[in-house]
Amino acid sequence: MQITFKLFATLGDYLPAGARFNQVELEVPDDATVQAIIDRYQLPPKLVHLVLVNGVFVPPSARAEHRLAPGDVLAVWPPIAGG
């Protein structure tokens, strides 16, 4: 199945070559979880802060069980500080 994977700020460096506008279309297994995609791209755990699927927050405790569906948009942000 196909999903859209978006990485923001410094995490954009972890996207594969050819990614445009901080996102890439991925072909993933039908039983793919949020955590499986995070692991597949070797995102450092300390940088995986805000995770959304279709704009809905997925807490850390649910990422290993949250199964993706065709057409889902998985977006990940690192911690961001500002003032």
PDB file of N, CA and C in Angstrom:
ATOM      1  N   MET A   1       0.849  -1.180   0.000  1.00  0.00           N
ATOM      2  CA  MET A   1       0.000   0.000   0.000  1.00  0.00           C
ATOM      3  C   MET A   1       0.886   1.232   0.000  1.00  0.00           C
ATOM      4  N   GLN A   2       0.306   2.344  -0.364  1.00  0.00           N
ATOM      5  CA  GLN A   2       1.084   3.577  -0.457  1.00  0.00           C
ATOM      6  C   GLN A   2       0.644   4.564   0.617  1.00  0.00           C
ATOM      7  N   ILE A   3       1.654   5.211   1.240  1.00  0.00           N
ATOM      8  CA  ILE A   3       1.414   6.284   2.209  1.00  0.00           C
ATOM      9  C   ILE A   3       2.301   7.462   1.837  1.00  0.00           C
ATOM     10  N   THR A   4       2.019   8.607   2.441  1.00  0.00           N
ATOM     11  CA  THR A   4       2.886   9.775   2.326  1.00  0.00           C
ATOM     12  C   THR A   4       3.619   9.930   3.649  1.00  0.00           C
ATOM     13  N   PHE A   5       4.930  10.085   3.583  1.00  0.00           N
ATOM     14  CA  PHE A   5       5.774  10.226   4.766  1.00  0.00           C
ATOM     15  C   PHE A   5       6.392  11.613   4.723  1.00  0.00           C
ATOM     16  N   LYS A   6       6.158  12.403   5.778  1.00  0.00           N
ATOM     17  CA  LYS A   6       6.667  13.771   5.849  1.00  0.00           C
ATOM     18  C   LYS A   6       7.569  13.914   7.073  1.00  0.00           C
ATOM     19  N   LEU A   7       8.717  14.514   6.867  1.00  0.00           N
ATOM     20  CA  LEU A   7       9.638  14.814   7.959  1.00  0.00           C
ATOM     21  C   LEU A   7       9.938  16.304   7.938  1.00  0.00           C
ATOM     22  N   PHE A   8       9.882  16.924   9.101  1.00  0.00           N
ATOM     23  CA  PHE A   8      10.033  18.376   9.185  1.00  0.00           C
ATOM     24  C   PHE A   8      11.307  18.773   9.918  1.00  0.00           C
ATOM     25  N   ALA A   9      11.726  20.006   9.650  1.00  0.00           N
ATOM     26  CA  ALA A   9      12.911  20.618  10.261  1.00  0.00           C
ATOM     27  C   ALA A   9      14.126  19.717  10.012  1.00  0.00           C
ATOM     28  N   THR A  10      14.920  19.472  11.023  1.00  0.00           N
ATOM     29  CA  THR A  10      16.166  18.717  10.859  1.00  0.00           C
ATOM     30  C   THR A  10      15.938  17.270  10.452  1.00  0.00           C
ATOM     31  N   LEU A  11      14.756  16.739  10.668  1.00  0.00           N
ATOM     32  CA  LEU A  11      14.488  15.348  10.279  1.00  0.00           C
ATOM     33  C   LEU A  11      14.430  15.179   8.761  1.00  0.00           C
ATOM     34  N   GLY A  12      14.257  16.252   8.031  1.00  0.00           N
ATOM     35  CA  GLY A  12      14.206  16.169   6.578  1.00  0.00           C
ATOM     36  C   GLY A  12      15.439  15.508   5.975  1.00  0.00           C
ATOM     37  N   ASP A  13      16.558  15.578   6.682  1.00  0.00           N
ATOM     38  CA  ASP A  13      17.796  14.961   6.203  1.00  0.00           C
ATOM     39  C   ASP A  13      17.690  13.434   6.138  1.00  0.00           C
ATOM     40  N   TYR A  14      16.721  12.850   6.806  1.00  0.00           N
ATOM     41  CA  TYR A  14      16.565  11.394   6.841  1.00  0.00           C
ATOM     42  C   TYR A  14      15.711  10.860   5.692  1.00  0.00           C
ATOM     43  N   LEU A  15      15.119  11.739   4.918  1.00  0.00           N
ATOM     44  CA  LEU A  15      14.327  11.287   3.770  1.00  0.00           C
ATOM     45  C   LEU A  15      15.252  10.782   2.667  1.00  0.00           C
ATOM     46  N   PRO A  16      14.790   9.843   1.872  1.00  0.00           N
ATOM     47  CA  PRO A  16      15.636   9.331   0.784  1.00  0.00           C
ATOM     48  C   PRO A  16      15.833  10.375  -0.311  1.00  0.00           C
ATOM     49  N   ALA A  17      16.858  10.160  -1.102  1.00  0.00           N
ATOM     50  CA  ALA A  17      17.118  11.038  -2.245  1.00  0.00           C
ATOM     51  C   ALA A  17      15.878  11.057  -3.128  1.00  0.00           C
ATOM     52  N   GLY A  18      15.587  12.208  -3.662  1.00  0.00           N
ATOM     53  CA  GLY A  18      14.432  12.339  -4.529  1.00  0.00           C
ATOM     54  C   GLY A  18      13.188  12.833  -3.817  1.00  0.00           C
ATOM     55  N   ALA A  19      13.247  12.938  -2.503  1.00  0.00           N
ATOM     56  CA  ALA A  19      12.105  13.464  -1.749  1.00  0.00           C
ATOM     57  C   ALA A  19      11.944  14.941  -2.090  1.00  0.00           C
ATOM     58  N   ARG A  20      10.693  15.362  -2.203  1.00  0.00           N
ATOM     59  CA  ARG A  20      10.420  16.764  -2.531  1.00  0.00           C
ATOM     60  C   ARG A  20       9.553  17.386  -1.458  1.00  0.00           C
ATOM     61  N   PHE A  21       9.880  18.606  -1.101  1.00  0.00           N
ATOM     62  CA  PHE A  21       9.096  19.370  -0.130  1.00  0.00           C
ATOM     63  C   PHE A  21       8.939  18.597   1.182  1.00  0.00           C
ATOM     64  N   ASN A  22      10.024  17.965   1.615  1.00  0.00           N
ATOM     65  CA  ASN A  22      10.064  17.229   2.885  1.00  0.00           C
ATOM     66  C   ASN A  22       9.090  16.070   2.947  1.00  0.00           C
ATOM     67  N   GLN A  23       8.745  15.496   1.805  1.00  0.00           N
ATOM     68  CA  GLN A  23       7.854  14.349   1.832  1.00  0.00           C
ATOM     69  C   GLN A  23       8.197  13.379   0.716  1.00  0.00           C
ATOM     70  N   VAL A  24       7.760  12.137   0.909  1.00  0.00           N
ATOM     71  CA  VAL A  24       7.989  11.100  -0.076  1.00  0.00           C
ATOM     72  C   VAL A  24       6.806  10.138  -0.051  1.00  0.00           C
ATOM     73  N   GLU A  25       6.464   9.620  -1.209  1.00  0.00           N
ATOM     74  CA  GLU A  25       5.437   8.588  -1.290  1.00  0.00           C
ATOM     75  C   GLU A  25       6.141   7.256  -1.069  1.00  0.00           C
ATOM     76  N   LEU A  26       5.626   6.461  -0.140  1.00  0.00           N
ATOM     77  CA  LEU A  26       6.244   5.180   0.183  1.00  0.00           C
ATOM     78  C   LEU A  26       5.300   4.029  -0.115  1.00  0.00           C
ATOM     79  N   GLU A  27       5.885   2.939  -0.567  1.00  0.00           N
ATOM     80  CA  GLU A  27       5.168   1.678  -0.670  1.00  0.00           C
ATOM     81  C   GLU A  27       5.552   0.898   0.582  1.00  0.00           C
ATOM     82  N   VAL A  28       4.571   0.566   1.407  1.00  0.00           N
ATOM     83  CA  VAL A  28       4.835  -0.120   2.676  1.00  0.00           C
ATOM     84  C   VAL A  28       3.971  -1.379   2.759  1.00  0.00           C
ATOM     85  N   PRO A  29       4.363  -2.337   3.597  1.00  0.00           N
ATOM     86  CA  PRO A  29       3.540  -3.541   3.767  1.00  0.00           C
ATOM     87  C   PRO A  29       2.158  -3.188   4.320  1.00  0.00           C
ATOM     88  N   ASP A  30       1.185  -4.028   4.048  1.00  0.00           N
ATOM     89  CA  ASP A  30      -0.190  -3.785   4.499  1.00  0.00           C
ATOM     90  C   ASP A  30      -0.314  -3.707   6.017  1.00  0.00           C
ATOM     91  N   ASP A  31       0.594  -4.333   6.747  1.00  0.00           N
ATOM     92  CA  ASP A  31       0.510  -4.325   8.207  1.00  0.00           C
ATOM     93  C   ASP A  31       1.486  -3.334   8.847  1.00  0.00           C
ATOM     94  N   ALA A  32       1.998  -2.373   8.075  1.00  0.00           N
ATOM     95  CA  ALA A  32       2.992  -1.417   8.578  1.00  0.00           C
ATOM     96  C   ALA A  32       2.427  -0.583   9.723  1.00  0.00           C
ATOM     97  N   THR A  33       3.264  -0.383  10.729  1.00  0.00           N
ATOM     98  CA  THR A  33       2.902   0.474  11.860  1.00  0.00           C
ATOM     99  C   THR A  33       3.697   1.778  11.768  1.00  0.00           C
ATOM    100  N   VAL A  34       3.256   2.748  12.543  1.00  0.00           N
ATOM    101  CA  VAL A  34       3.975   4.024  12.628  1.00  0.00           C
ATOM    102  C   VAL A  34       5.418   3.768  13.043  1.00  0.00           C
ATOM    103  N   GLN A  35       5.622   2.954  14.069  1.00  0.00           N
ATOM    104  CA  GLN A  35       6.978   2.704  14.574  1.00  0.00           C
ATOM    105  C   GLN A  35       7.836   1.996  13.535  1.00  0.00           C
ATOM    106  N   ALA A  36       7.250   1.118  12.744  1.00  0.00           N
ATOM    107  CA  ALA A  36       8.023   0.414  11.711  1.00  0.00           C
ATOM    108  C   ALA A  36       8.594   1.400  10.699  1.00  0.00           C
ATOM    109  N   ILE A  37       7.831   2.420  10.353  1.00  0.00           N
ATOM    110  CA  ILE A  37       8.318   3.418   9.391  1.00  0.00           C
ATOM    111  C   ILE A  37       9.397   4.284  10.038  1.00  0.00           C
ATOM    112  N   ILE A  38       9.183   4.673  11.274  1.00  0.00           N
ATOM    113  CA  ILE A  38      10.199   5.452  11.998  1.00  0.00           C
ATOM    114  C   ILE A  38      11.499   4.655  12.075  1.00  0.00           C
ATOM    115  N   ASP A  39      11.402   3.373  12.376  1.00  0.00           N
ATOM    116  CA  ASP A  39      12.590   2.517  12.468  1.00  0.00           C
ATOM    117  C   ASP A  39      13.244   2.325  11.104  1.00  0.00           C
ATOM    118  N   ARG A  40      12.433   2.152  10.078  1.00  0.00           N
ATOM    119  CA  ARG A  40      12.945   1.926   8.715  1.00  0.00           C
ATOM    120  C   ARG A  40      13.861   3.064   8.283  1.00  0.00           C
ATOM    121  N   TYR A  41      13.552   4.278   8.688  1.00  0.00           N
ATOM    122  CA  TYR A  41      14.357   5.435   8.310  1.00  0.00           C
ATOM    123  C   TYR A  41      15.352   5.843   9.393  1.00  0.00           C
ATOM    124  N   GLN A  42      15.496   5.001  10.397  1.00  0.00           N
ATOM    125  CA  GLN A  42      16.494   5.181  11.456  1.00  0.00           C
ATOM    126  C   GLN A  42      16.452   6.572  12.075  1.00  0.00           C
ATOM    127  N   LEU A  43      15.235   7.037  12.360  1.00  0.00           N
ATOM    128  CA  LEU A  43      15.094   8.335  13.009  1.00  0.00           C
ATOM    129  C   LEU A  43      15.523   8.212  14.460  1.00  0.00           C
ATOM    130  N   PRO A  44      16.405   9.086  14.925  1.00  0.00           N
ATOM    131  CA  PRO A  44      16.841   9.026  16.325  1.00  0.00           C
ATOM    132  C   PRO A  44      15.655   9.250  17.269  1.00  0.00           C
ATOM    133  N   PRO A  45      15.446   8.352  18.224  1.00  0.00           N
ATOM    134  CA  PRO A  45      14.297   8.485  19.137  1.00  0.00           C
ATOM    135  C   PRO A  45      14.196   9.851  19.797  1.00  0.00           C
ATOM    136  N   LYS A  46      15.333  10.457  20.146  1.00  0.00           N
ATOM    137  CA  LYS A  46      15.283  11.760  20.821  1.00  0.00           C
ATOM    138  C   LYS A  46      14.793  12.870  19.894  1.00  0.00           C
ATOM    139  N   LEU A  47      14.804  12.611  18.577  1.00  0.00           N
ATOM    140  CA  LEU A  47      14.339  13.612  17.621  1.00  0.00           C
ATOM    141  C   LEU A  47      12.906  13.379  17.152  1.00  0.00           C
ATOM    142  N   VAL A  48      12.332  12.252  17.528  1.00  0.00           N
ATOM    143  CA  VAL A  48      10.944  11.955  17.131  1.00  0.00           C
ATOM    144  C   VAL A  48      10.044  12.451  18.251  1.00  0.00           C
ATOM    145  N   HIS A  49       9.504  13.647  18.052  1.00  0.00           N
ATOM    146  CA  HIS A  49       8.742  14.284  19.122  1.00  0.00           C
ATOM    147  C   HIS A  49       7.239  14.272  18.833  1.00  0.00           C
ATOM    148  N   LEU A  50       6.838  14.914  17.790  1.00  0.00           N
ATOM    149  CA  LEU A  50       5.422  15.022  17.441  1.00  0.00           C
ATOM    150  C   LEU A  50       5.159  14.135  16.231  1.00  0.00           C
ATOM    151  N   VAL A  51       4.249  13.170  16.399  1.00  0.00           N
ATOM    152  CA  VAL A  51       3.912  12.238  15.319  1.00  0.00           C
ATOM    153  C   VAL A  51       2.413  12.332  15.065  1.00  0.00           C
ATOM    154  N   LEU A  52       2.071  12.585  13.804  1.00  0.00           N
ATOM    155  CA  LEU A  52       0.667  12.692  13.410  1.00  0.00           C
ATOM    156  C   LEU A  52       0.382  11.739  12.258  1.00  0.00           C
ATOM    157  N   VAL A  53      -0.780  11.118  12.289  1.00  0.00           N
ATOM    158  CA  VAL A  53      -1.286  10.355  11.151  1.00  0.00           C
ATOM    159  C   VAL A  53      -2.576  11.032  10.728  1.00  0.00           C
ATOM    160  N   ASN A  54      -2.571  11.550   9.516  1.00  0.00           N
ATOM    161  CA  ASN A  54      -3.720  12.295   8.989  1.00  0.00           C
ATOM    162  C   ASN A  54      -4.127  13.432   9.922  1.00  0.00           C
ATOM    163  N   GLY A  55      -3.121  14.072  10.530  1.00  0.00           N
ATOM    164  CA  GLY A  55      -3.366  15.219  11.396  1.00  0.00           C
ATOM    165  C   GLY A  55      -3.767  14.884  12.815  1.00  0.00           C
ATOM    166  N   VAL A  56      -3.771  13.605  13.173  1.00  0.00           N
ATOM    167  CA  VAL A  56      -4.164  13.172  14.522  1.00  0.00           C
ATOM    168  C   VAL A  56      -2.919  12.683  15.263  1.00  0.00           C
ATOM    169  N   PHE A  57      -2.700  13.220  16.464  1.00  0.00           N
ATOM    170  CA  PHE A  57      -1.539  12.878  17.279  1.00  0.00           C
ATOM    171  C   PHE A  57      -1.526  11.396  17.630  1.00  0.00           C
ATOM    172  N   VAL A  58      -0.347  10.777  17.479  1.00  0.00           N
ATOM    173  CA  VAL A  58      -0.139   9.388  17.888  1.00  0.00           C
ATOM    174  C   VAL A  58       0.888   9.416  19.013  1.00  0.00           C
ATOM    175  N   PRO A  59       0.468   9.122  20.259  1.00  0.00           N
ATOM    176  CA  PRO A  59       1.407   9.181  21.383  1.00  0.00           C
ATOM    177  C   PRO A  59       2.459   8.075  21.283  1.00  0.00           C
ATOM    178  N   PRO A  60       3.601   8.279  21.936  1.00  0.00           N
ATOM    179  CA  PRO A  60       4.664   7.268  21.876  1.00  0.00           C
ATOM    180  C   PRO A  60       4.188   5.862  22.253  1.00  0.00           C
ATOM    181  N   SER A  61       3.307   5.769  23.209  1.00  0.00           N
ATOM    182  CA  SER A  61       2.841   4.458  23.669  1.00  0.00           C
ATOM    183  C   SER A  61       2.001   3.720  22.624  1.00  0.00           C
ATOM    184  N   ALA A  62       1.504   4.414  21.607  1.00  0.00           N
ATOM    185  CA  ALA A  62       0.634   3.793  20.602  1.00  0.00           C
ATOM    186  C   ALA A  62       1.318   3.580  19.254  1.00  0.00           C
ATOM    187  N   ARG A  63       2.530   4.035  19.093  1.00  0.00           N
ATOM    188  CA  ARG A  63       3.175   4.017  17.776  1.00  0.00           C
ATOM    189  C   ARG A  63       3.487   2.610  17.279  1.00  0.00           C
ATOM    190  N   ALA A  64       3.789   1.690  18.174  1.00  0.00           N
ATOM    191  CA  ALA A  64       4.108   0.321  17.756  1.00  0.00           C
ATOM    192  C   ALA A  64       2.865  -0.455  17.340  1.00  0.00           C
ATOM    193  N   GLU A  65       1.698  -0.036  17.795  1.00  0.00           N
ATOM    194  CA  GLU A  65       0.458  -0.741  17.471  1.00  0.00           C
ATOM    195  C   GLU A  65      -0.376  -0.039  16.407  1.00  0.00           C
ATOM    196  N   HIS A  66      -0.145   1.247  16.196  1.00  0.00           N
ATOM    197  CA  HIS A  66      -0.967   2.014  15.263  1.00  0.00           C
ATOM    198  C   HIS A  66      -0.642   1.598  13.828  1.00  0.00           C
ATOM    199  N   ARG A  67      -1.561   0.871  13.201  1.00  0.00           N
ATOM    200  CA  ARG A  67      -1.381   0.398  11.833  1.00  0.00           C
ATOM    201  C   ARG A  67      -1.806   1.480  10.846  1.00  0.00           C
ATOM    202  N   LEU A  68      -1.008   1.603   9.810  1.00  0.00           N
ATOM    203  CA  LEU A  68      -1.303   2.581   8.770  1.00  0.00           C
ATOM    204  C   LEU A  68      -2.266   1.984   7.747  1.00  0.00           C
ATOM    205  N   ALA A  69      -2.994   2.846   7.081  1.00  0.00           N
ATOM    206  CA  ALA A  69      -3.946   2.440   6.051  1.00  0.00           C
ATOM    207  C   ALA A  69      -3.540   3.084   4.728  1.00  0.00           C
ATOM    208  N   PRO A  70      -3.976   2.517   3.613  1.00  0.00           N
ATOM    209  CA  PRO A  70      -3.639   3.116   2.320  1.00  0.00           C
ATOM    210  C   PRO A  70      -4.041   4.592   2.267  1.00  0.00           C
ATOM    211  N   GLY A  71      -3.101   5.408   1.769  1.00  0.00           N
ATOM    212  CA  GLY A  71      -3.369   6.833   1.630  1.00  0.00           C
ATOM    213  C   GLY A  71      -3.087   7.666   2.865  1.00  0.00           C
ATOM    214  N   ASP A  72      -2.713   7.024   3.982  1.00  0.00           N
ATOM    215  CA  ASP A  72      -2.405   7.784   5.198  1.00  0.00           C
ATOM    216  C   ASP A  72      -1.232   8.726   4.971  1.00  0.00           C
ATOM    217  N   VAL A  73      -1.223   9.803   5.751  1.00  0.00           N
ATOM    218  CA  VAL A  73      -0.111  10.747   5.768  1.00  0.00           C
ATOM    219  C   VAL A  73       0.503  10.682   7.160  1.00  0.00           C
ATOM    220  N   LEU A  74       1.751  10.221   7.217  1.00  0.00           N
ATOM    221  CA  LEU A  74       2.504  10.131   8.466  1.00  0.00           C
ATOM    222  C   LEU A  74       3.484  11.290   8.499  1.00  0.00           C
ATOM    223  N   ALA A  75       3.357  12.147   9.505  1.00  0.00           N
ATOM    224  CA  ALA A  75       4.208  13.335   9.640  1.00  0.00           C
ATOM    225  C   ALA A  75       4.917  13.318  10.983  1.00  0.00           C
ATOM    226  N   VAL A  76       6.212  13.659  10.966  1.00  0.00           N
ATOM    227  CA  VAL A  76       7.020  13.624  12.180  1.00  0.00           C
ATOM    228  C   VAL A  76       7.799  14.928  12.307  1.00  0.00           C
ATOM    229  N   TRP A  77       7.776  15.497  13.517  1.00  0.00           N
ATOM    230  CA  TRP A  77       8.523  16.711  13.845  1.00  0.00           C
ATOM    231  C   TRP A  77       9.491  16.427  14.989  1.00  0.00           C
ATOM    232  N   PRO A  78      10.652  17.069  14.968  1.00  0.00           N
ATOM    233  CA  PRO A  78      11.544  16.997  16.120  1.00  0.00           C
ATOM    234  C   PRO A  78      11.089  18.009  17.181  1.00  0.00           C
ATOM    235  N   PRO A  79      11.683  17.933  18.376  1.00  0.00           N
ATOM    236  CA  PRO A  79      11.372  18.983  19.351  1.00  0.00           C
ATOM    237  C   PRO A  79      11.848  20.329  18.789  1.00  0.00           C
ATOM    238  N   ILE A  80      11.046  21.340  18.991  1.00  0.00           N
ATOM    239  CA  ILE A  80      11.392  22.668  18.485  1.00  0.00           C
ATOM    240  C   ILE A  80      11.281  23.667  19.639  1.00  0.00           C
ATOM    241  N   ALA A  81      12.311  24.467  19.780  1.00  0.00           N
ATOM    242  CA  ALA A  81      12.292  25.502  20.816  1.00  0.00           C
ATOM    243  C   ALA A  81      12.339  26.855  20.136  1.00  0.00           C
ATOM    244  N   GLY A  82      11.788  27.799  20.771  1.00  0.00           N
ATOM    245  CA  GLY A  82      11.817  29.146  20.211  1.00  0.00           C
ATOM    246  C   GLY A  82      11.432  30.152  21.258  1.00  0.00           C
ATOM    247  N   GLY A  83      11.449  31.359  20.861  1.00  0.00           N
ATOM    248  CA  GLY A  83      11.139  32.346  21.869  1.00  0.00           C
ATOM    249  C   GLY A  83      10.665  33.622  21.339  1.00  0.00           C
TER     250      GLY A  83
END
